[in-house]
Protein backbone atom coordinates (compact mmCIF):
# COMPACT_ATOMS: atom_id res chain seq x y z
CA MET A 1 16.50 22.64 2.42
CA SER A 2 18.95 25.54 2.42
CA VAL A 3 22.25 25.28 0.59
CA GLU A 4 24.05 26.11 3.84
CA SER A 5 22.65 22.95 5.47
CA LEU A 6 23.99 20.62 2.79
CA PRO A 7 27.01 18.57 3.91
CA ILE A 8 28.67 18.57 0.48
CA PRO A 9 28.43 20.90 -2.56
CA GLU A 10 24.89 21.38 -3.79
CA GLU A 11 25.59 20.45 -7.41
CA LEU A 12 26.78 17.00 -6.36
CA LEU A 13 23.70 16.20 -4.26
CA ARG A 14 21.28 17.72 -6.79
CA GLN A 15 22.71 15.58 -9.56
CA GLU A 16 22.41 12.40 -7.50
CA ALA A 17 18.92 13.36 -6.26
CA GLU A 18 17.62 13.93 -9.79
CA SER A 19 19.05 10.59 -10.89
CA ILE A 20 17.30 8.80 -8.01
CA ALA A 21 14.00 10.62 -8.65
CA ALA A 22 14.14 9.63 -12.33
CA HIS A 23 14.23 5.95 -11.42
CA TYR A 24 12.34 5.67 -8.12
CA ARG A 25 8.95 6.95 -7.07
CA VAL A 26 10.26 9.75 -4.87
CA SER A 27 10.61 13.46 -5.55
CA ALA A 28 14.00 15.10 -6.11
CA ASP A 29 13.55 16.97 -2.82
CA GLU A 30 12.88 13.72 -0.94
CA ALA A 31 15.96 12.16 -2.50
CA LEU A 32 18.01 15.27 -1.68
CA ALA A 33 16.96 15.09 1.98
CA ALA A 34 17.87 11.39 2.17
CA LEU A 35 21.27 11.97 0.54
CA SER A 36 22.02 14.90 2.79
CA GLN A 37 21.29 12.79 5.85
CA ALA A 38 23.39 9.92 4.50
CA PHE A 39 26.45 12.09 3.88
CA ALA A 40 26.04 13.88 7.21
CA GLY A 41 26.66 10.48 8.80
CA VAL A 42 30.18 10.20 7.32
CA PRO A 43 31.93 13.45 8.40
CA ASP A 44 35.44 12.26 7.48
CA LEU A 45 34.35 11.63 3.90
CA VAL A 46 32.54 14.95 3.78
CA ARG A 47 35.69 16.81 4.83
CA ARG A 48 37.68 15.02 2.10
CA ILE A 49 35.04 15.91 -0.49
CA GLN A 50 35.04 19.56 0.55
CA LEU A 51 38.83 19.67 0.20
CA ARG A 52 39.17 17.81 -3.10
CA HIS A 53 35.97 18.77 -4.96
CA GLY A 54 36.94 20.92 -7.94
CA GLU A 55 40.35 19.31 -8.21
CA GLU A 56 39.20 15.75 -8.95
CA ASP A 57 35.99 13.84 -9.66
CA VAL A 58 34.97 12.83 -6.16
CA THR A 59 31.88 11.03 -7.50
CA ARG A 60 34.22 8.23 -8.66
CA TRP A 61 35.51 7.56 -5.18
CA ARG A 62 34.48 4.18 -3.85
CA ALA A 63 33.45 5.64 -0.50
CA TYR A 64 31.30 8.27 -2.23
CA ARG A 65 29.57 5.71 -4.44
CA GLU A 66 28.95 3.46 -1.42
CA VAL A 67 27.08 6.21 0.42
CA VAL A 68 24.93 6.88 -2.65
CA ARG A 69 24.28 3.16 -3.15
CA GLU A 70 23.19 2.65 0.45
CA CYS A 71 20.94 5.70 0.22
CA ARG A 72 19.28 4.38 -2.94
CA GLN A 73 18.83 1.00 -1.30
CA GLY A 74 17.28 2.58 1.78
CA LEU A 75 14.80 4.54 -0.33
CA TYR A 76 13.95 1.43 -2.35
CA TYR A 77 13.19 -0.73 0.68
CA GLY A 78 11.29 2.14 2.27
CA LEU A 79 9.04 2.32 -0.80
CA ARG A 80 8.47 -1.45 -0.73
CA ARG A 81 7.19 -1.35 2.84
CA TYR A 82 3.46 -0.87 3.26
CA TYR A 83 4.20 1.21 6.34
CA PRO A 84 7.33 3.32 5.69
CA LEU A 85 6.79 4.85 9.14
CA SER A 86 5.55 1.93 11.22
CA ASP A 87 5.88 3.84 14.51
CA GLU A 88 3.74 6.62 13.08
CA ALA A 89 1.08 4.11 11.97
CA GLU A 90 0.99 2.61 15.47
CA ARG A 91 0.60 6.05 17.01
CA VAL A 92 -2.22 7.12 14.67
CA VAL A 93 -4.06 3.82 15.17
CA GLY A 94 -3.85 4.42 18.92
CA GLU A 95 -5.33 7.91 18.47
CA PHE A 96 -8.07 6.45 16.28
CA GLU A 97 -8.98 3.81 18.87
CA GLN A 98 -9.16 6.44 21.61
CA GLU A 99 -11.32 8.75 19.50
CA VAL A 100 -13.96 6.18 18.53
CA ALA A 101 -14.04 4.84 22.09
CA ALA A 102 -14.76 8.33 23.41
CA SER A 103 -16.68 10.95 21.44
CA ALA A 104 -16.23 9.65 17.87
CA ARG A 105 -16.49 13.16 16.46
CA ALA A 106 -17.20 12.89 12.76
CA GLU A 107 -14.56 15.42 11.65
CA ARG A 108 -11.87 13.89 13.86
CA VAL A 109 -12.70 10.34 12.74
CA GLU A 110 -12.49 11.44 9.11
CA GLU A 111 -9.15 13.15 9.72
CA LEU A 112 -7.63 10.05 11.36
CA CYS A 113 -8.97 7.74 8.64
CA GLU A 114 -7.37 10.04 6.08
CA ARG A 115 -4.01 9.87 7.86
CA LEU A 116 -4.13 6.07 8.07
CA LEU A 117 -5.03 5.73 4.40
CA ARG A 118 -2.03 7.90 3.52
CA LEU A 119 0.33 5.88 5.74
CA HIS A 120 -0.44 2.58 3.99
CA ALA A 121 1.31 2.36 0.61
CA SER A 122 -1.54 0.62 -1.21
CA THR A 123 -4.26 3.07 -0.22
CA ARG A 124 -1.94 6.10 -0.40
CA GLU A 125 -1.39 5.75 -4.13
CA ARG A 126 -5.15 5.35 -4.68
CA HIS A 127 -5.86 8.48 -2.68
CA SER A 128 -6.16 11.00 -5.52
CA SER A 129 -8.64 8.84 -7.46
CA TYR A 130 -10.95 7.40 -4.79
CA ALA A 131 -14.15 8.90 -6.27
CA GLU A 132 -13.41 7.42 -9.69
CA PHE A 133 -12.16 4.16 -8.14
CA TYR A 134 -15.45 3.45 -6.41
CA GLU A 135 -17.45 4.59 -9.41
CA ARG A 136 -15.67 1.95 -11.52
CA PHE A 137 -15.77 -0.57 -8.66
CA PHE A 138 -19.58 -0.44 -8.44
CA GLU A 139 -20.04 -0.23 -12.21
CA CYS A 140 -18.08 -3.46 -12.52
CA ALA A 141 -19.35 -5.44 -9.51
CA GLY A 142 -22.59 -3.75 -8.53
CA VAL A 143 -23.21 -3.09 -4.84
CA PRO A 144 -22.73 -6.45 -3.10
CA ALA A 145 -24.70 -7.14 0.08
CA THR A 146 -21.79 -9.17 1.45
CA ILE A 147 -18.04 -8.61 0.92
CA LEU A 148 -15.00 -10.62 1.98
CA ASP A 149 -11.96 -8.32 1.73
CA ILE A 150 -8.84 -10.51 1.77
CA GLY A 151 -5.53 -8.85 2.60
CA CYS A 152 -7.62 -5.77 3.26
CA GLY A 153 -4.98 -3.32 4.48
CA MET A 154 -6.61 0.01 5.30
CA HIS A 155 -9.09 -0.24 2.42
CA PRO A 156 -12.20 -0.72 4.64
CA LEU A 157 -11.58 2.76 6.10
CA SER A 158 -12.30 4.26 2.68
CA TYR A 159 -15.29 2.09 1.72
CA PRO A 160 -18.37 4.36 1.24
CA PHE A 161 -20.72 2.64 3.73
CA LYS A 162 -22.78 5.85 3.96
CA GLY A 163 -22.69 6.52 0.23
CA ALA A 164 -22.65 4.36 -2.86
CA GLY A 165 -21.88 1.27 -0.77
CA SER A 166 -24.78 1.70 1.64
CA GLY A 167 -26.32 -1.49 0.29
CA THR A 168 -23.44 -3.54 1.73
CA LYS A 169 -24.76 -5.07 4.96
CA ARG A 170 -21.90 -7.41 5.87
CA TYR A 171 -18.22 -6.65 5.25
CA VAL A 172 -15.59 -9.02 6.66
CA ALA A 173 -12.00 -7.75 6.40
CA VAL A 174 -9.12 -10.22 6.67
CA ASP A 175 -5.45 -9.39 7.21
CA ARG A 176 -2.51 -10.72 9.22
CA ASP A 177 -1.19 -7.29 10.21
CA VAL A 178 -2.09 -6.42 13.81
CA CYS A 179 -2.02 -2.69 13.08
CA VAL A 180 -4.53 -3.14 10.26
CA ILE A 181 -6.88 -5.24 12.38
CA ARG A 182 -6.83 -2.67 15.18
CA ALA A 183 -7.63 0.17 12.74
CA VAL A 184 -10.45 -1.69 11.00
CA SER A 185 -11.91 -2.86 14.32
CA ALA A 186 -11.94 0.73 15.53
CA HIS A 187 -13.63 1.84 12.31
CA ALA A 188 -16.26 -0.84 12.85
CA ARG A 189 -17.46 1.12 15.86
CA VAL A 190 -18.32 3.91 13.44
CA ALA A 191 -19.55 1.86 10.45
CA GLY A 192 -21.37 -0.65 12.68
CA LYS A 193 -19.91 -3.75 14.35
CA ARG A 194 -22.55 -6.01 12.85
CA ARG A 195 -21.75 -4.58 9.45
CA LEU A 196 -17.93 -4.45 9.49
CA GLN A 197 -15.74 -7.08 11.15
CA ALA A 198 -11.96 -7.44 11.14
CA VAL A 199 -10.35 -10.87 11.41
CA ARG A 200 -6.65 -11.61 11.79
CA LEU A 201 -5.83 -14.70 9.76
CA SER A 202 -2.87 -16.33 8.03
CA LEU A 203 -3.86 -17.34 4.52
CA ASP A 204 -1.20 -20.05 4.27
CA ASP A 205 -3.38 -22.18 6.59
CA PRO A 206 -5.69 -24.09 4.20
CA GLY A 207 -8.42 -24.11 6.84
CA TRP A 208 -8.62 -20.32 7.14
CA PRO A 209 -12.20 -20.01 5.76
CA SER A 210 -13.49 -21.97 8.78
CA GLU A 211 -12.24 -19.15 11.05
CA LEU A 212 -14.39 -16.49 9.41
CA PRO A 213 -17.20 -15.07 11.56
CA TRP A 214 -19.60 -15.80 8.72
CA ARG A 215 -18.88 -18.76 6.44
CA GLY A 216 -20.59 -17.35 3.38
CA PRO A 217 -20.69 -17.67 0.49
CA TYR A 218 -20.06 -13.97 0.11
CA GLU A 219 -21.40 -12.16 -2.93
CA LEU A 220 -18.01 -10.59 -3.63
CA GLY A 221 -14.43 -11.36 -2.67
CA VAL A 222 -12.07 -8.38 -2.87
CA MET A 223 -8.31 -8.79 -3.35
CA LEU A 224 -6.82 -5.36 -4.03
CA LYS A 225 -3.17 -5.66 -5.18
CA VAL A 226 -2.89 -8.81 -3.06
CA VAL A 227 -2.25 -11.65 -5.51
CA PRO A 228 0.87 -10.19 -7.24
CA VAL A 229 2.44 -9.43 -3.84
CA LEU A 230 1.77 -12.90 -2.44
CA ILE A 231 3.06 -14.55 -5.62
CA ARG A 232 6.44 -13.01 -4.76
CA LEU A 233 6.35 -13.47 -1.00
CA ASP A 234 4.13 -16.41 -0.01
CA ARG A 235 3.00 -18.89 -2.65
CA ALA A 236 1.31 -21.09 -0.05
CA ALA A 237 -0.97 -18.20 0.80
CA VAL A 238 -1.82 -17.78 -2.90
CA LEU A 239 -3.16 -21.33 -2.97
CA GLY A 240 -5.17 -20.50 0.13
CA LEU A 241 -6.80 -17.59 -1.68
CA GLN A 242 -8.42 -20.00 -4.11
CA ALA A 243 -10.44 -21.47 -1.23
CA ALA A 244 -12.19 -18.15 -0.57
CA PRO A 245 -15.96 -18.78 -0.15
CA VAL A 246 -17.06 -16.12 -2.63
CA ALA A 247 -19.38 -16.12 -5.64
CA ARG A 248 -17.36 -13.52 -7.52
CA LEU A 249 -13.87 -12.05 -7.20
CA LEU A 250 -12.65 -8.52 -7.81
CA LEU A 251 -8.85 -8.46 -8.10
CA THR A 252 -6.55 -5.55 -8.89
CA GLY A 253 -2.93 -4.98 -9.79
CA ASN A 254 -0.59 -2.04 -10.35
CA VAL A 255 0.15 -0.28 -13.62
CA GLU A 256 3.43 1.19 -12.37
CA SER A 257 5.82 -0.26 -9.81
CA LEU A 258 5.42 0.78 -6.19
CA THR A 259 9.14 1.56 -6.12
CA ARG A 260 10.53 2.32 -9.58
CA ARG A 261 9.20 4.54 -12.35
CA GLN A 262 8.53 1.66 -14.71
CA SER A 263 5.47 -0.13 -15.99
CA ILE A 264 4.70 -3.55 -14.51
CA GLU A 265 1.20 -3.77 -15.96
CA ALA A 266 1.88 -6.62 -18.39
CA ARG A 267 3.44 -8.74 -15.63
CA GLU A 268 0.66 -8.01 -13.13
CA ARG A 269 -2.06 -8.77 -15.70
CA SER A 270 -0.39 -12.09 -16.48
CA VAL A 271 -0.24 -13.00 -12.78
CA LEU A 272 -3.91 -12.17 -12.20
CA LYS A 273 -5.11 -14.00 -15.31
CA ARG A 274 -3.16 -17.10 -14.32
CA PHE A 275 -4.60 -16.97 -10.79
CA ILE A 276 -8.15 -16.60 -12.14
CA GLN A 277 -7.65 -19.53 -14.51
CA ASN A 278 -6.17 -21.74 -11.76
CA ALA A 279 -9.13 -20.88 -9.54
CA GLY A 280 -11.48 -22.21 -12.21
CA ARG A 281 -13.02 -18.80 -12.89
CA GLN A 282 -13.45 -16.55 -15.92
CA ILE A 283 -13.04 -12.81 -16.37
CA THR A 284 -16.44 -11.13 -16.80
CA GLY A 285 -15.47 -7.47 -16.36
CA GLU A 286 -12.55 -5.10 -15.93
CA PHE A 287 -11.70 -1.49 -15.13
CA ARG A 288 -8.74 0.83 -14.79
CA VAL A 289 -8.26 3.87 -12.56
CA GLY A 290 -5.05 5.80 -11.98
CA ASN A 291 -2.22 3.39 -11.19
CA GLU A 292 -4.55 0.41 -10.75
CA PHE A 293 -6.49 -1.97 -12.96
CA GLY A 294 -8.95 -4.64 -11.95
CA TYR A 295 -10.71 -7.81 -13.13
CA LEU A 296 -14.07 -9.20 -12.07
CA ALA A 297 -14.05 -13.01 -12.17
CA GLU A 298 -16.89 -15.53 -11.71
C-alpha cells in the first residue's frame, strides 16, 4: 500500500498496525490495510487528524480510539470465523461441484481442493505441515479401514486416499455446515462415493448416530479441533460426541489461539483430557505437529 493512499499519516497507522499484529494472528500489512479502510470510512475525522496531527496527540481522541477499537474487533471476529470470506467459499464450492460433474481434471480438482482448504480456518493453519501431520496421524492410529470424521470441516479434501491412507475403505464425514457437505460430497465423486460419504447432522440430537449411512462401529473416530470449540459454543453437542460409535478416538487441539498470539495449549489439553475421561476412555498415544497436538483414546 502506497503512502499516498493512506487516509492519515503513515506513522500513526504503522504504529497501530504493529500493535495489532503483535497481539493478533495477522500480519502488520493486513492490519494496516484494515485500519486504512476503517479510517477512510470517517472522512470528517480524517480531515481533523490531518489538520491537528503534529500539534496535539490525536491518538488520544475518543473518536480516533473508537475507530481503532472497532477495527481490532472486526479483525478478531474475522479470525474466529471458520470462513472469513463466506461468499468466496460458496463460489469456490460451486466451481468444485461443476468441475467434478464435468471433466474432473486432476490438476483443476487439486487446485480447487487447495483453495477450499485455505479458506477454512482449521485446515488453513495445518496447510504448511500436512505431510508431517499425516505421518504422525498414521504413526499414532495406524491406517484405519473405517473412519467417522465428526465436525469434519474441509479435512476430508486433504485425506491421502491415494497415498498413505489408501487402506481406508469407508470414510463418513459429518458436519452441520451446508458448504462443507457440498464440498465433501463433490470430492466423493473423485475419491469414490462408496468410499467417502458426507452427512449433514446436528450433534446436539442424541439420536444422531442412527442417521449415519453405516452404523459402525468404526475403527477410528476423528475429531480435529472440534471438542474445545464445542465446549465453548454447544455443550449439548459435546455430550452427543460421547455417543460416537467408534472403537478409538483421535482428537486434536490448538497450541496457539486461532485469533491471538498466545498459547492455549494447557487449556486445550485439559479440555480434551476431561472429555476423554468422561467418555470412559484412556489416552493410548499422542502427537504434535505445528500448531496442533493430538491424543489417541481407546
